Amino acid sequence: MKTILITGGKSFLAKELSGYFYNKYKLIVADRSILDVSNKESVDLFFENNSIDYVFHTAISGGSRLKEDSFEDFLNNLNMYYNLSSNNDKFDIMFNFASGAEFDRQRDIKLFKEEQILERIPKDI
């Protein structure tokens, strides 16, 4: 049976993915208490000790509608992505989920196409 790692284990998206893949795959649903994806050594050790086929990266730093993201949140999100992707030789594919804010929160993203992401640089982090 193939194994899926889902990061951001307490999030709505992780719970929905877990429900969808339940009984179809072996699941490792990791919140910070299981795997701190912002810590490179922790991520490297995790992949050394676990056989993973697919990664669904849903963990984020920041992202609250109640407060503005900080530059530290921005760096943490980049680090989490880097820490996982630097282990790409240990899994088959990684799905990276995002909120759509990378298109710029000032615009409605409903009609955006993914290839348009670099056409406008967001004003916020």
PDB file of N, CA and C in Angstrom:
ATOM      1  N   MET A   1       0.837  -1.180   0.000  1.00  0.00           N
ATOM      2  CA  MET A   1       0.000   0.000   0.000  1.00  0.00           C
ATOM      3  C   MET A   1       0.884   1.246   0.000  1.00  0.00           C
ATOM      4  N   LYS A   2       0.573   2.189  -0.851  1.00  0.00           N
ATOM      5  CA  LYS A   2       1.324   3.438  -0.945  1.00  0.00           C
ATOM      6  C   LYS A   2       1.071   4.293   0.293  1.00  0.00           C
ATOM      7  N   THR A   3       2.073   5.113   0.634  1.00  0.00           N
ATOM      8  CA  THR A   3       1.990   5.967   1.823  1.00  0.00           C
ATOM      9  C   THR A   3       1.944   7.433   1.429  1.00  0.00           C
ATOM     10  N   ILE A   4       1.023   8.159   2.045  1.00  0.00           N
ATOM     11  CA  ILE A   4       0.880   9.599   1.843  1.00  0.00           C
ATOM     12  C   ILE A   4       1.233  10.315   3.135  1.00  0.00           C
ATOM     13  N   LEU A   5       2.076  11.336   3.008  1.00  0.00           N
ATOM     14  CA  LEU A   5       2.338  12.261   4.104  1.00  0.00           C
ATOM     15  C   LEU A   5       1.504  13.513   3.841  1.00  0.00           C
ATOM     16  N   ILE A   6       0.693  13.905   4.815  1.00  0.00           N
ATOM     17  CA  ILE A   6      -0.073  15.144   4.740  1.00  0.00           C
ATOM     18  C   ILE A   6       0.431  16.053   5.844  1.00  0.00           C
ATOM     19  N   THR A   7       1.002  17.203   5.465  1.00  0.00           N
ATOM     20  CA  THR A   7       1.476  18.168   6.461  1.00  0.00           C
ATOM     21  C   THR A   7       0.327  19.104   6.842  1.00  0.00           C
ATOM     22  N   GLY A   8       0.512  19.830   7.942  1.00  0.00           N
ATOM     23  CA  GLY A   8      -0.552  20.725   8.404  1.00  0.00           C
ATOM     24  C   GLY A   8      -1.741  19.940   8.908  1.00  0.00           C
ATOM     25  N   GLY A   9      -1.469  18.870   9.639  1.00  0.00           N
ATOM     26  CA  GLY A   9      -2.456  17.864  10.007  1.00  0.00           C
ATOM     27  C   GLY A   9      -3.713  18.329  10.709  1.00  0.00           C
ATOM     28  N   LYS A  10      -3.691  19.483  11.364  1.00  0.00           N
ATOM     29  CA  LYS A  10      -4.877  19.970  12.068  1.00  0.00           C
ATOM     30  C   LYS A  10      -5.729  20.899  11.211  1.00  0.00           C
ATOM     31  N   SER A  11      -5.277  21.190   9.997  1.00  0.00           N
ATOM     32  CA  SER A  11      -5.992  22.138   9.141  1.00  0.00           C
ATOM     33  C   SER A  11      -7.229  21.501   8.512  1.00  0.00           C
ATOM     34  N   PHE A  12      -8.138  22.351   8.070  1.00  0.00           N
ATOM     35  CA  PHE A  12      -9.342  21.890   7.377  1.00  0.00           C
ATOM     36  C   PHE A  12      -8.972  21.054   6.151  1.00  0.00           C
ATOM     37  N   LEU A  13      -8.041  21.559   5.359  1.00  0.00           N
ATOM     38  CA  LEU A  13      -7.663  20.868   4.131  1.00  0.00           C
ATOM     39  C   LEU A  13      -7.057  19.496   4.419  1.00  0.00           C
ATOM     40  N   ALA A  14      -6.191  19.412   5.418  1.00  0.00           N
ATOM     41  CA  ALA A  14      -5.585  18.120   5.777  1.00  0.00           C
ATOM     42  C   ALA A  14      -6.651  17.121   6.221  1.00  0.00           C
ATOM     43  N   LYS A  15      -7.623  17.594   6.979  1.00  0.00           N
ATOM     44  CA  LYS A  15      -8.699  16.708   7.429  1.00  0.00           C
ATOM     45  C   LYS A  15      -9.541  16.220   6.247  1.00  0.00           C
ATOM     46  N   GLU A  16      -9.816  17.100   5.302  1.00  0.00           N
ATOM     47  CA  GLU A  16     -10.585  16.702   4.114  1.00  0.00           C
ATOM     48  C   GLU A  16      -9.808  15.687   3.267  1.00  0.00           C
ATOM     49  N   LEU A  17      -8.513  15.945   3.071  1.00  0.00           N
ATOM     50  CA  LEU A  17      -7.682  15.001   2.309  1.00  0.00           C
ATOM     51  C   LEU A  17      -7.612  13.650   3.015  1.00  0.00           C
ATOM     52  N   SER A  18      -7.455  13.683   4.327  1.00  0.00           N
ATOM     53  CA  SER A  18      -7.392  12.444   5.107  1.00  0.00           C
ATOM     54  C   SER A  18      -8.654  11.621   4.929  1.00  0.00           C
ATOM     55  N   GLY A  19      -9.793  12.291   4.983  1.00  0.00           N
ATOM     56  CA  GLY A  19     -11.062  11.585   4.796  1.00  0.00           C
ATOM     57  C   GLY A  19     -11.180  10.989   3.408  1.00  0.00           C
ATOM     58  N   TYR A  20     -10.702  11.704   2.421  1.00  0.00           N
ATOM     59  CA  TYR A  20     -10.776  11.223   1.044  1.00  0.00           C
ATOM     60  C   TYR A  20      -9.878  10.004   0.817  1.00  0.00           C
ATOM     61  N   PHE A  21      -8.670  10.036   1.377  1.00  0.00           N
ATOM     62  CA  PHE A  21      -7.704   8.962   1.138  1.00  0.00           C
ATOM     63  C   PHE A  21      -7.780   7.828   2.156  1.00  0.00           C
ATOM     64  N   TYR A  22      -8.602   7.975   3.174  1.00  0.00           N
ATOM     65  CA  TYR A  22      -8.744   6.967   4.219  1.00  0.00           C
ATOM     66  C   TYR A  22      -9.085   5.613   3.604  1.00  0.00           C
ATOM     67  N   ASN A  23      -8.400   4.590   4.038  1.00  0.00           N
ATOM     68  CA  ASN A  23      -8.572   3.201   3.573  1.00  0.00           C
ATOM     69  C   ASN A  23      -8.095   2.957   2.146  1.00  0.00           C
ATOM     70  N   LYS A  24      -7.603   3.974   1.451  1.00  0.00           N
ATOM     71  CA  LYS A  24      -7.068   3.780   0.107  1.00  0.00           C
ATOM     72  C   LYS A  24      -5.536   3.788   0.123  1.00  0.00           C
ATOM     73  N   TYR A  25      -4.975   4.468   1.127  1.00  0.00           N
ATOM     74  CA  TYR A  25      -3.532   4.620   1.278  1.00  0.00           C
ATOM     75  C   TYR A  25      -3.185   4.551   2.758  1.00  0.00           C
ATOM     76  N   LYS A  26      -1.936   4.256   3.038  1.00  0.00           N
ATOM     77  CA  LYS A  26      -1.444   4.418   4.395  1.00  0.00           C
ATOM     78  C   LYS A  26      -1.216   5.919   4.571  1.00  0.00           C
ATOM     79  N   LEU A  27      -1.761   6.506   5.633  1.00  0.00           N
ATOM     80  CA  LEU A  27      -1.668   7.944   5.850  1.00  0.00           C
ATOM     81  C   LEU A  27      -0.803   8.288   7.042  1.00  0.00           C
ATOM     82  N   ILE A  28       0.036   9.283   6.855  1.00  0.00           N
ATOM     83  CA  ILE A  28       0.727   9.924   7.967  1.00  0.00           C
ATOM     84  C   ILE A  28       0.277  11.378   7.923  1.00  0.00           C
ATOM     85  N   VAL A  29      -0.582  11.739   8.860  1.00  0.00           N
ATOM     86  CA  VAL A  29      -1.113  13.098   8.921  1.00  0.00           C
ATOM     87  C   VAL A  29      -0.348  13.805  10.036  1.00  0.00           C
ATOM     88  N   ALA A  30       0.534  14.708   9.624  1.00  0.00           N
ATOM     89  CA  ALA A  30       1.500  15.284  10.558  1.00  0.00           C
ATOM     90  C   ALA A  30       1.199  16.739  10.875  1.00  0.00           C
ATOM     91  N   ASP A  31       0.956  16.996  12.158  1.00  0.00           N
ATOM     92  CA  ASP A  31       0.946  18.375  12.622  1.00  0.00           C
ATOM     93  C   ASP A  31       2.321  18.651  13.232  1.00  0.00           C
ATOM     94  N   ARG A  32       2.510  19.826  13.821  1.00  0.00           N
ATOM     95  CA  ARG A  32       3.841  20.198  14.346  1.00  0.00           C
ATOM     96  C   ARG A  32       4.353  19.258  15.432  1.00  0.00           C
ATOM     97  N   SER A  33       3.436  18.613  16.159  1.00  0.00           N
ATOM     98  CA  SER A  33       3.879  17.705  17.226  1.00  0.00           C
ATOM     99  C   SER A  33       4.479  16.418  16.661  1.00  0.00           C
ATOM    100  N   ILE A  34       4.148  16.088  15.412  1.00  0.00           N
ATOM    101  CA  ILE A  34       4.671  14.886  14.768  1.00  0.00           C
ATOM    102  C   ILE A  34       5.857  15.220  13.866  1.00  0.00           C
ATOM    103  N   LEU A  35       5.738  16.305  13.115  1.00  0.00           N
ATOM    104  CA  LEU A  35       6.796  16.712  12.193  1.00  0.00           C
ATOM    105  C   LEU A  35       6.782  18.226  12.042  1.00  0.00           C
ATOM    106  N   ASP A  36       7.850  18.858  12.457  1.00  0.00           N
ATOM    107  CA  ASP A  36       7.996  20.306  12.281  1.00  0.00           C
ATOM    108  C   ASP A  36       8.646  20.539  10.926  1.00  0.00           C
ATOM    109  N   VAL A  37       7.825  20.809   9.902  1.00  0.00           N
ATOM    110  CA  VAL A  37       8.359  20.942   8.547  1.00  0.00           C
ATOM    111  C   VAL A  37       9.188  22.208   8.369  1.00  0.00           C
ATOM    112  N   SER A  38       9.182  23.094   9.363  1.00  0.00           N
ATOM    113  CA  SER A  38      10.044  24.277   9.285  1.00  0.00           C
ATOM    114  C   SER A  38      11.465  23.981   9.761  1.00  0.00           C
ATOM    115  N   ASN A  39      11.679  22.775  10.293  1.00  0.00           N
ATOM    116  CA  ASN A  39      12.986  22.377  10.804  1.00  0.00           C
ATOM    117  C   ASN A  39      13.608  21.356   9.843  1.00  0.00           C
ATOM    118  N   LYS A  40      14.652  21.770   9.140  1.00  0.00           N
ATOM    119  CA  LYS A  40      15.266  20.926   8.110  1.00  0.00           C
ATOM    120  C   LYS A  40      15.760  19.593   8.662  1.00  0.00           C
ATOM    121  N   GLU A  41      16.437  19.611   9.802  1.00  0.00           N
ATOM    122  CA  GLU A  41      16.961  18.371  10.376  1.00  0.00           C
ATOM    123  C   GLU A  41      15.830  17.402  10.699  1.00  0.00           C
ATOM    124  N   SER A  42      14.738  17.943  11.220  1.00  0.00           N
ATOM    125  CA  SER A  42      13.579  17.128  11.554  1.00  0.00           C
ATOM    126  C   SER A  42      12.974  16.486  10.297  1.00  0.00           C
ATOM    127  N   VAL A  43      12.869  17.255   9.238  1.00  0.00           N
ATOM    128  CA  VAL A  43      12.309  16.755   7.976  1.00  0.00           C
ATOM    129  C   VAL A  43      13.234  15.700   7.368  1.00  0.00           C
ATOM    130  N   ASP A  44      14.530  15.983   7.345  1.00  0.00           N
ATOM    131  CA  ASP A  44      15.491  15.020   6.794  1.00  0.00           C
ATOM    132  C   ASP A  44      15.430  13.696   7.549  1.00  0.00           C
ATOM    133  N   LEU A  45      15.389  13.772   8.873  1.00  0.00           N
ATOM    134  CA  LEU A  45      15.320  12.565   9.702  1.00  0.00           C
ATOM    135  C   LEU A  45      14.013  11.816   9.459  1.00  0.00           C
ATOM    136  N   PHE A  46      12.930  12.548   9.323  1.00  0.00           N
ATOM    137  CA  PHE A  46      11.636  11.925   9.046  1.00  0.00           C
ATOM    138  C   PHE A  46      11.694  11.091   7.764  1.00  0.00           C
ATOM    139  N   PHE A  47      12.248  11.657   6.709  1.00  0.00           N
ATOM    140  CA  PHE A  47      12.304  10.934   5.435  1.00  0.00           C
ATOM    141  C   PHE A  47      13.315   9.784   5.470  1.00  0.00           C
ATOM    142  N   GLU A  48      14.312   9.875   6.307  1.00  0.00           N
ATOM    143  CA  GLU A  48      15.241   8.743   6.471  1.00  0.00           C
ATOM    144  C   GLU A  48      14.549   7.566   7.145  1.00  0.00           C
ATOM    145  N   ASN A  49      13.619   7.869   8.047  1.00  0.00           N
ATOM    146  CA  ASN A  49      12.977   6.828   8.852  1.00  0.00           C
ATOM    147  C   ASN A  49      11.614   6.378   8.352  1.00  0.00           C
ATOM    148  N   ASN A  50      11.090   7.009   7.309  1.00  0.00           N
ATOM    149  CA  ASN A  50       9.760   6.675   6.806  1.00  0.00           C
ATOM    150  C   ASN A  50       9.793   6.554   5.284  1.00  0.00           C
ATOM    151  N   SER A  51       9.082   5.583   4.783  1.00  0.00           N
ATOM    152  CA  SER A  51       8.959   5.405   3.345  1.00  0.00           C
ATOM    153  C   SER A  51       7.693   6.132   2.888  1.00  0.00           C
ATOM    154  N   ILE A  52       7.875   7.193   2.110  1.00  0.00           N
ATOM    155  CA  ILE A  52       6.772   8.043   1.673  1.00  0.00           C
ATOM    156  C   ILE A  52       6.685   7.999   0.147  1.00  0.00           C
ATOM    157  N   ASP A  53       5.491   7.850  -0.372  1.00  0.00           N
ATOM    158  CA  ASP A  53       5.286   7.870  -1.818  1.00  0.00           C
ATOM    159  C   ASP A  53       4.826   9.237  -2.302  1.00  0.00           C
ATOM    160  N   TYR A  54       3.883   9.830  -1.560  1.00  0.00           N
ATOM    161  CA  TYR A  54       3.316  11.118  -1.967  1.00  0.00           C
ATOM    162  C   TYR A  54       3.288  12.074  -0.785  1.00  0.00           C
ATOM    163  N   VAL A  55       3.568  13.345  -1.055  1.00  0.00           N
ATOM    164  CA  VAL A  55       3.501  14.388  -0.038  1.00  0.00           C
ATOM    165  C   VAL A  55       2.422  15.384  -0.440  1.00  0.00           C
ATOM    166  N   PHE A  56       1.508  15.642   0.469  1.00  0.00           N
ATOM    167  CA  PHE A  56       0.512  16.694   0.302  1.00  0.00           C
ATOM    168  C   PHE A  56       0.855  17.761   1.330  1.00  0.00           C
ATOM    169  N   HIS A  57       1.453  18.839   0.862  1.00  0.00           N
ATOM    170  CA  HIS A  57       1.932  19.896   1.760  1.00  0.00           C
ATOM    171  C   HIS A  57       0.860  20.964   1.926  1.00  0.00           C
ATOM    172  N   THR A  58       0.204  20.953   3.099  1.00  0.00           N
ATOM    173  CA  THR A  58      -0.844  21.928   3.391  1.00  0.00           C
ATOM    174  C   THR A  58      -0.475  22.836   4.560  1.00  0.00           C
ATOM    175  N   ALA A  59       0.659  22.577   5.215  1.00  0.00           N
ATOM    176  CA  ALA A  59       1.059  23.378   6.375  1.00  0.00           C
ATOM    177  C   ALA A  59       1.437  24.795   5.948  1.00  0.00           C
ATOM    178  N   ILE A  60       1.059  25.746   6.785  1.00  0.00           N
ATOM    179  CA  ILE A  60       1.450  27.136   6.533  1.00  0.00           C
ATOM    180  C   ILE A  60       1.791  27.827   7.836  1.00  0.00           C
ATOM    181  N   SER A  61       2.545  28.876   7.700  1.00  0.00           N
ATOM    182  CA  SER A  61       2.808  29.804   8.793  1.00  0.00           C
ATOM    183  C   SER A  61       2.019  31.057   8.461  1.00  0.00           C
ATOM    184  N   GLY A  62       1.302  31.602   9.435  1.00  0.00           N
ATOM    185  CA  GLY A  62       0.448  32.758   9.165  1.00  0.00           C
ATOM    186  C   GLY A  62      -0.853  32.292   8.550  1.00  0.00           C
ATOM    187  N   GLY A  63      -1.396  33.105   7.669  1.00  0.00           N
ATOM    188  CA  GLY A  63      -2.608  32.731   6.956  1.00  0.00           C
ATOM    189  C   GLY A  63      -3.894  33.060   7.679  1.00  0.00           C
ATOM    190  N   SER A  64      -3.801  33.741   8.807  1.00  0.00           N
ATOM    191  CA  SER A  64      -5.010  34.124   9.537  1.00  0.00           C
ATOM    192  C   SER A  64      -5.684  35.308   8.857  1.00  0.00           C
ATOM    193  N   ARG A  65      -6.994  35.263   8.816  1.00  0.00           N
ATOM    194  CA  ARG A  65      -7.736  36.407   8.288  1.00  0.00           C
ATOM    195  C   ARG A  65      -7.786  37.540   9.303  1.00  0.00           C
ATOM    196  N   LEU A  66      -7.405  37.245  10.538  1.00  0.00           N
ATOM    197  CA  LEU A  66      -7.520  38.223  11.609  1.00  0.00           C
ATOM    198  C   LEU A  66      -6.272  39.077  11.801  1.00  0.00           C
ATOM    199  N   LYS A  67      -5.150  38.650  11.211  1.00  0.00           N
ATOM    200  CA  LYS A  67      -3.938  39.464  11.318  1.00  0.00           C
ATOM    201  C   LYS A  67      -3.102  39.313  10.059  1.00  0.00           C
ATOM    202  N   GLU A  68      -2.339  40.357   9.785  1.00  0.00           N
ATOM    203  CA  GLU A  68      -1.504  40.379   8.591  1.00  0.00           C
ATOM    204  C   GLU A  68      -0.317  39.437   8.750  1.00  0.00           C
ATOM    205  N   ASP A  69       0.032  38.758   7.673  1.00  0.00           N
ATOM    206  CA  ASP A  69       1.209  37.887   7.703  1.00  0.00           C
ATOM    207  C   ASP A  69       2.464  38.726   7.860  1.00  0.00           C
ATOM    208  N   SER A  70       3.436  38.165   8.539  1.00  0.00           N
ATOM    209  CA  SER A  70       4.709  38.851   8.756  1.00  0.00           C
ATOM    210  C   SER A  70       5.760  38.342   7.766  1.00  0.00           C
ATOM    211  N   PHE A  71       6.869  39.037   7.722  1.00  0.00           N
ATOM    212  CA  PHE A  71       7.981  38.583   6.895  1.00  0.00           C
ATOM    213  C   PHE A  71       8.485  37.240   7.400  1.00  0.00           C
ATOM    214  N   GLU A  72       8.420  37.025   8.707  1.00  0.00           N
ATOM    215  CA  GLU A  72       8.828  35.750   9.297  1.00  0.00           C
ATOM    216  C   GLU A  72       7.919  34.611   8.801  1.00  0.00           C
ATOM    217  N   ASP A  73       6.610  34.880   8.684  1.00  0.00           N
ATOM    218  CA  ASP A  73       5.693  33.884   8.120  1.00  0.00           C
ATOM    219  C   ASP A  73       6.108  33.529   6.695  1.00  0.00           C
ATOM    220  N   PHE A  74       6.411  34.556   5.917  1.00  0.00           N
ATOM    221  CA  PHE A  74       6.850  34.362   4.540  1.00  0.00           C
ATOM    222  C   PHE A  74       8.078  33.455   4.486  1.00  0.00           C
ATOM    223  N   LEU A  75       9.081  33.752   5.312  1.00  0.00           N
ATOM    224  CA  LEU A  75      10.301  32.936   5.344  1.00  0.00           C
ATOM    225  C   LEU A  75      10.021  31.515   5.825  1.00  0.00           C
ATOM    226  N   ASN A  76       9.176  31.374   6.835  1.00  0.00           N
ATOM    227  CA  ASN A  76       8.820  30.036   7.331  1.00  0.00           C
ATOM    228  C   ASN A  76       8.155  29.206   6.241  1.00  0.00           C
ATOM    229  N   ASN A  77       7.272  29.824   5.460  1.00  0.00           N
ATOM    230  CA  ASN A  77       6.607  29.095   4.379  1.00  0.00           C
ATOM    231  C   ASN A  77       7.595  28.665   3.305  1.00  0.00           C
ATOM    232  N   LEU A  78       8.531  29.534   2.974  1.00  0.00           N
ATOM    233  CA  LEU A  78       9.572  29.145   2.009  1.00  0.00           C
ATOM    234  C   LEU A  78      10.429  28.012   2.556  1.00  0.00           C
ATOM    235  N   ASN A  79      10.799  28.105   3.828  1.00  0.00           N
ATOM    236  CA  ASN A  79      11.614  27.052   4.455  1.00  0.00           C
ATOM    237  C   ASN A  79      10.890  25.714   4.470  1.00  0.00           C
ATOM    238  N   MET A  80       9.608  25.722   4.790  1.00  0.00           N
ATOM    239  CA  MET A  80       8.856  24.463   4.814  1.00  0.00           C
ATOM    240  C   MET A  80       8.853  23.810   3.433  1.00  0.00           C
ATOM    241  N   TYR A  81       8.592  24.616   2.414  1.00  0.00           N
ATOM    242  CA  TYR A  81       8.601  24.083   1.049  1.00  0.00           C
ATOM    243  C   TYR A  81       9.986  23.544   0.697  1.00  0.00           C
ATOM    244  N   TYR A  82      11.019  24.320   0.989  1.00  0.00           N
ATOM    245  CA  TYR A  82      12.387  23.895   0.690  1.00  0.00           C
ATOM    246  C   TYR A  82      12.736  22.603   1.442  1.00  0.00           C
ATOM    247  N   ASN A  83      12.408  22.533   2.719  1.00  0.00           N
ATOM    248  CA  ASN A  83      12.757  21.356   3.523  1.00  0.00           C
ATOM    249  C   ASN A  83      12.135  20.084   2.960  1.00  0.00           C
ATOM    250  N   LEU A  84      10.908  20.187   2.501  1.00  0.00           N
ATOM    251  CA  LEU A  84      10.258  19.022   1.893  1.00  0.00           C
ATOM    252  C   LEU A  84      10.829  18.728   0.518  1.00  0.00           C
ATOM    253  N   SER A  85      10.922  19.750  -0.325  1.00  0.00           N
ATOM    254  CA  SER A  85      11.366  19.519  -1.704  1.00  0.00           C
ATOM    255  C   SER A  85      12.829  19.090  -1.778  1.00  0.00           C
ATOM    256  N   SER A  86      13.630  19.445  -0.785  1.00  0.00           N
ATOM    257  CA  SER A  86      15.030  19.006  -0.791  1.00  0.00           C
ATOM    258  C   SER A  86      15.158  17.505  -0.546  1.00  0.00           C
ATOM    259  N   ASN A  87      14.070  16.870  -0.149  1.00  0.00           N
ATOM    260  CA  ASN A  87      14.030  15.413   0.027  1.00  0.00           C
ATOM    261  C   ASN A  87      13.304  14.725  -1.124  1.00  0.00           C
ATOM    262  N   ASN A  88      13.217  15.390  -2.271  1.00  0.00           N
ATOM    263  CA  ASN A  88      12.431  14.871  -3.389  1.00  0.00           C
ATOM    264  C   ASN A  88      12.928  13.537  -3.937  1.00  0.00           C
ATOM    265  N   ASP A  89      14.115  13.145  -3.576  1.00  0.00           N
ATOM    266  CA  ASP A  89      14.609  11.833  -3.996  1.00  0.00           C
ATOM    267  C   ASP A  89      14.019  10.705  -3.143  1.00  0.00           C
ATOM    268  N   LYS A  90      13.259  11.064  -2.099  1.00  0.00           N
ATOM    269  CA  LYS A  90      12.706  10.071  -1.175  1.00  0.00           C
ATOM    270  C   LYS A  90      11.198   9.894  -1.324  1.00  0.00           C
ATOM    271  N   PHE A  91      10.580  10.577  -2.294  1.00  0.00           N
ATOM    272  CA  PHE A  91       9.160  10.386  -2.570  1.00  0.00           C
ATOM    273  C   PHE A  91       8.925  10.590  -4.064  1.00  0.00           C
ATOM    274  N   ASP A  92       7.763  10.164  -4.535  1.00  0.00           N
ATOM    275  CA  ASP A  92       7.470  10.231  -5.969  1.00  0.00           C
ATOM    276  C   ASP A  92       6.988  11.600  -6.424  1.00  0.00           C
ATOM    277  N   ILE A  93       6.097  12.203  -5.654  1.00  0.00           N
ATOM    278  CA  ILE A  93       5.533  13.490  -6.079  1.00  0.00           C
ATOM    279  C   ILE A  93       5.068  14.276  -4.857  1.00  0.00           C
ATOM    280  N   MET A  94       5.132  15.597  -4.974  1.00  0.00           N
ATOM    281  CA  MET A  94       4.650  16.471  -3.908  1.00  0.00           C
ATOM    282  C   MET A  94       3.609  17.418  -4.479  1.00  0.00           C
ATOM    283  N   PHE A  95       2.498  17.529  -3.762  1.00  0.00           N
ATOM    284  CA  PHE A  95       1.448  18.482  -4.094  1.00  0.00           C
ATOM    285  C   PHE A  95       1.541  19.610  -3.079  1.00  0.00           C
ATOM    286  N   ASN A  96       1.755  20.820  -3.549  1.00  0.00           N
ATOM    287  CA  ASN A  96       1.883  21.977  -2.663  1.00  0.00           C
ATOM    288  C   ASN A  96       0.603  22.807  -2.765  1.00  0.00           C
ATOM    289  N   PHE A  97      -0.110  22.923  -1.664  1.00  0.00           N
ATOM    290  CA  PHE A  97      -1.356  23.673  -1.644  1.00  0.00           C
ATOM    291  C   PHE A  97      -1.097  25.105  -1.191  1.00  0.00           C
ATOM    292  N   ALA A  98      -1.838  26.015  -1.770  1.00  0.00           N
ATOM    293  CA  ALA A  98      -1.698  27.430  -1.427  1.00  0.00           C
ATOM    294  C   ALA A  98      -3.077  28.065  -1.366  1.00  0.00           C
ATOM    295  N   SER A  99      -3.137  29.247  -0.799  1.00  0.00           N
ATOM    296  CA  SER A  99      -4.418  29.922  -0.589  1.00  0.00           C
ATOM    297  C   SER A  99      -4.892  30.700  -1.808  1.00  0.00           C
ATOM    298  N   GLY A 100      -4.000  31.007  -2.703  1.00  0.00           N
ATOM    299  CA  GLY A 100      -4.322  31.889  -3.817  1.00  0.00           C
ATOM    300  C   GLY A 100      -3.792  33.287  -3.593  1.00  0.00           C
ATOM    301  N   ALA A 101      -3.306  33.570  -2.381  1.00  0.00           N
ATOM    302  CA  ALA A 101      -2.770  34.898  -2.068  1.00  0.00           C
ATOM    303  C   ALA A 101      -1.543  35.220  -2.908  1.00  0.00           C
ATOM    304  N   GLU A 102      -0.896  34.197  -3.442  1.00  0.00           N
ATOM    305  CA  GLU A 102       0.279  34.439  -4.287  1.00  0.00           C
ATOM    306  C   GLU A 102      -0.090  35.157  -5.584  1.00  0.00           C
ATOM    307  N   PHE A 103      -1.389  35.215  -5.891  1.00  0.00           N
ATOM    308  CA  PHE A 103      -1.862  35.970  -7.061  1.00  0.00           C
ATOM    309  C   PHE A 103      -2.108  37.441  -6.723  1.00  0.00           C
ATOM    310  N   ASP A 104      -2.071  37.807  -5.465  1.00  0.00           N
ATOM    311  CA  ASP A 104      -2.305  39.156  -4.953  1.00  0.00           C
ATOM    312  C   ASP A 104      -3.714  39.226  -4.373  1.00  0.00           C
ATOM    313  N   ARG A 105      -3.789  39.478  -3.109  1.00  0.00           N
ATOM    314  CA  ARG A 105      -5.073  39.524  -2.407  1.00  0.00           C
ATOM    315  C   ARG A 105      -5.945  40.697  -2.850  1.00  0.00           C
ATOM    316  N   GLN A 106      -5.367  41.635  -3.560  1.00  0.00           N
ATOM    317  CA  GLN A 106      -6.112  42.805  -4.027  1.00  0.00           C
ATOM    318  C   GLN A 106      -7.038  42.477  -5.202  1.00  0.00           C
ATOM    319  N   ARG A 107      -6.836  41.315  -5.825  1.00  0.00           N
ATOM    320  CA  ARG A 107      -7.620  40.949  -7.015  1.00  0.00           C
ATOM    321  C   ARG A 107      -8.369  39.656  -6.785  1.00  0.00           C
ATOM    322  N   ASP A 108      -9.495  39.518  -7.438  1.00  0.00           N
ATOM    323  CA  ASP A 108     -10.270  38.286  -7.404  1.00  0.00           C
ATOM    324  C   ASP A 108      -9.530  37.231  -8.230  1.00  0.00           C
ATOM    325  N   ILE A 109      -9.334  36.050  -7.659  1.00  0.00           N
ATOM    326  CA  ILE A 109      -8.551  35.024  -8.364  1.00  0.00           C
ATOM    327  C   ILE A 109      -9.411  34.031  -9.142  1.00  0.00           C
ATOM    328  N   LYS A 110     -10.702  34.203  -9.144  1.00  0.00           N
ATOM    329  CA  LYS A 110     -11.591  33.219  -9.785  1.00  0.00           C
ATOM    330  C   LYS A 110     -11.260  32.981 -11.260  1.00  0.00           C
ATOM    331  N   LEU A 111     -10.853  34.028 -11.960  1.00  0.00           N
ATOM    332  CA  LEU A 111     -10.598  33.883 -13.394  1.00  0.00           C
ATOM    333  C   LEU A 111      -9.113  33.761 -13.734  1.00  0.00           C
ATOM    334  N   PHE A 112      -8.261  33.699 -12.711  1.00  0.00           N
ATOM    335  CA  PHE A 112      -6.825  33.588 -12.953  1.00  0.00           C
ATOM    336  C   PHE A 112      -6.462  32.197 -13.437  1.00  0.00           C
ATOM    337  N   LYS A 113      -5.470  32.134 -14.280  1.00  0.00           N
ATOM    338  CA  LYS A 113      -4.878  30.864 -14.688  1.00  0.00           C
ATOM    339  C   LYS A 113      -3.525  30.764 -13.998  1.00  0.00           C
ATOM    340  N   GLU A 114      -3.106  29.571 -13.674  1.00  0.00           N
ATOM    341  CA  GLU A 114      -1.862  29.374 -12.935  1.00  0.00           C
ATOM    342  C   GLU A 114      -0.667  30.017 -13.636  1.00  0.00           C
ATOM    343  N   GLU A 115      -0.623  29.973 -14.963  1.00  0.00           N
ATOM    344  CA  GLU A 115       0.519  30.546 -15.678  1.00  0.00           C
ATOM    345  C   GLU A 115       0.563  32.072 -15.586  1.00  0.00           C
ATOM    346  N   GLN A 116      -0.470  32.694 -15.034  1.00  0.00           N
ATOM    347  CA  GLN A 116      -0.492  34.145 -14.866  1.00  0.00           C
ATOM    348  C   GLN A 116       0.114  34.601 -13.540  1.00  0.00           C
ATOM    349  N   ILE A 117       0.614  33.681 -12.747  1.00  0.00           N
ATOM    350  CA  ILE A 117       1.070  34.008 -11.393  1.00  0.00           C
ATOM    351  C   ILE A 117       2.129  35.106 -11.360  1.00  0.00           C
ATOM    352  N   LEU A 118       2.992  35.200 -12.359  1.00  0.00           N
ATOM    353  CA  LEU A 118       4.058  36.196 -12.341  1.00  0.00           C
ATOM    354  C   LEU A 118       3.675  37.495 -13.030  1.00  0.00           C
ATOM    355  N   GLU A 119       2.452  37.622 -13.480  1.00  0.00           N
ATOM    356  CA  GLU A 119       2.033  38.840 -14.162  1.00  0.00           C
ATOM    357  C   GLU A 119       1.837  40.019 -13.209  1.00  0.00           C
ATOM    358  N   ARG A 120       1.600  39.727 -11.954  1.00  0.00           N
ATOM    359  CA  ARG A 120       1.402  40.788 -10.962  1.00  0.00           C
ATOM    360  C   ARG A 120       2.020  40.346  -9.644  1.00  0.00           C
ATOM    361  N   ILE A 121       2.906  41.127  -9.125  1.00  0.00           N
ATOM    362  CA  ILE A 121       3.551  40.824  -7.864  1.00  0.00           C
ATOM    363  C   ILE A 121       2.656  41.325  -6.720  1.00  0.00           C
ATOM    364  N   PRO A 122       2.316  40.467  -5.760  1.00  0.00           N
ATOM    365  CA  PRO A 122       1.469  40.897  -4.651  1.00  0.00           C
ATOM    366  C   PRO A 122       2.099  42.049  -3.860  1.00  0.00           C
ATOM    367  N   LYS A 123       1.247  42.945  -3.352  1.00  0.00           N
ATOM    368  CA  LYS A 123       1.733  44.083  -2.567  1.00  0.00           C
ATOM    369  C   LYS A 123       2.078  43.672  -1.143  1.00  0.00           C
ATOM    370  N   ASP A 124       1.453  42.604  -0.639  1.00  0.00           N
ATOM    371  CA  ASP A 124       1.761  42.150   0.710  1.00  0.00           C
ATOM    372  C   ASP A 124       2.634  40.896   0.644  1.00  0.00           C
ATOM    373  N   ILE A 125       3.087  40.451   1.792  1.00  0.00           N
ATOM    374  CA  ILE A 125       3.982  39.307   1.872  1.00  0.00           C
ATOM    375  C   ILE A 125       3.254  38.038   1.510  1.00  0.00           C
TER     376      ILE A 125
END
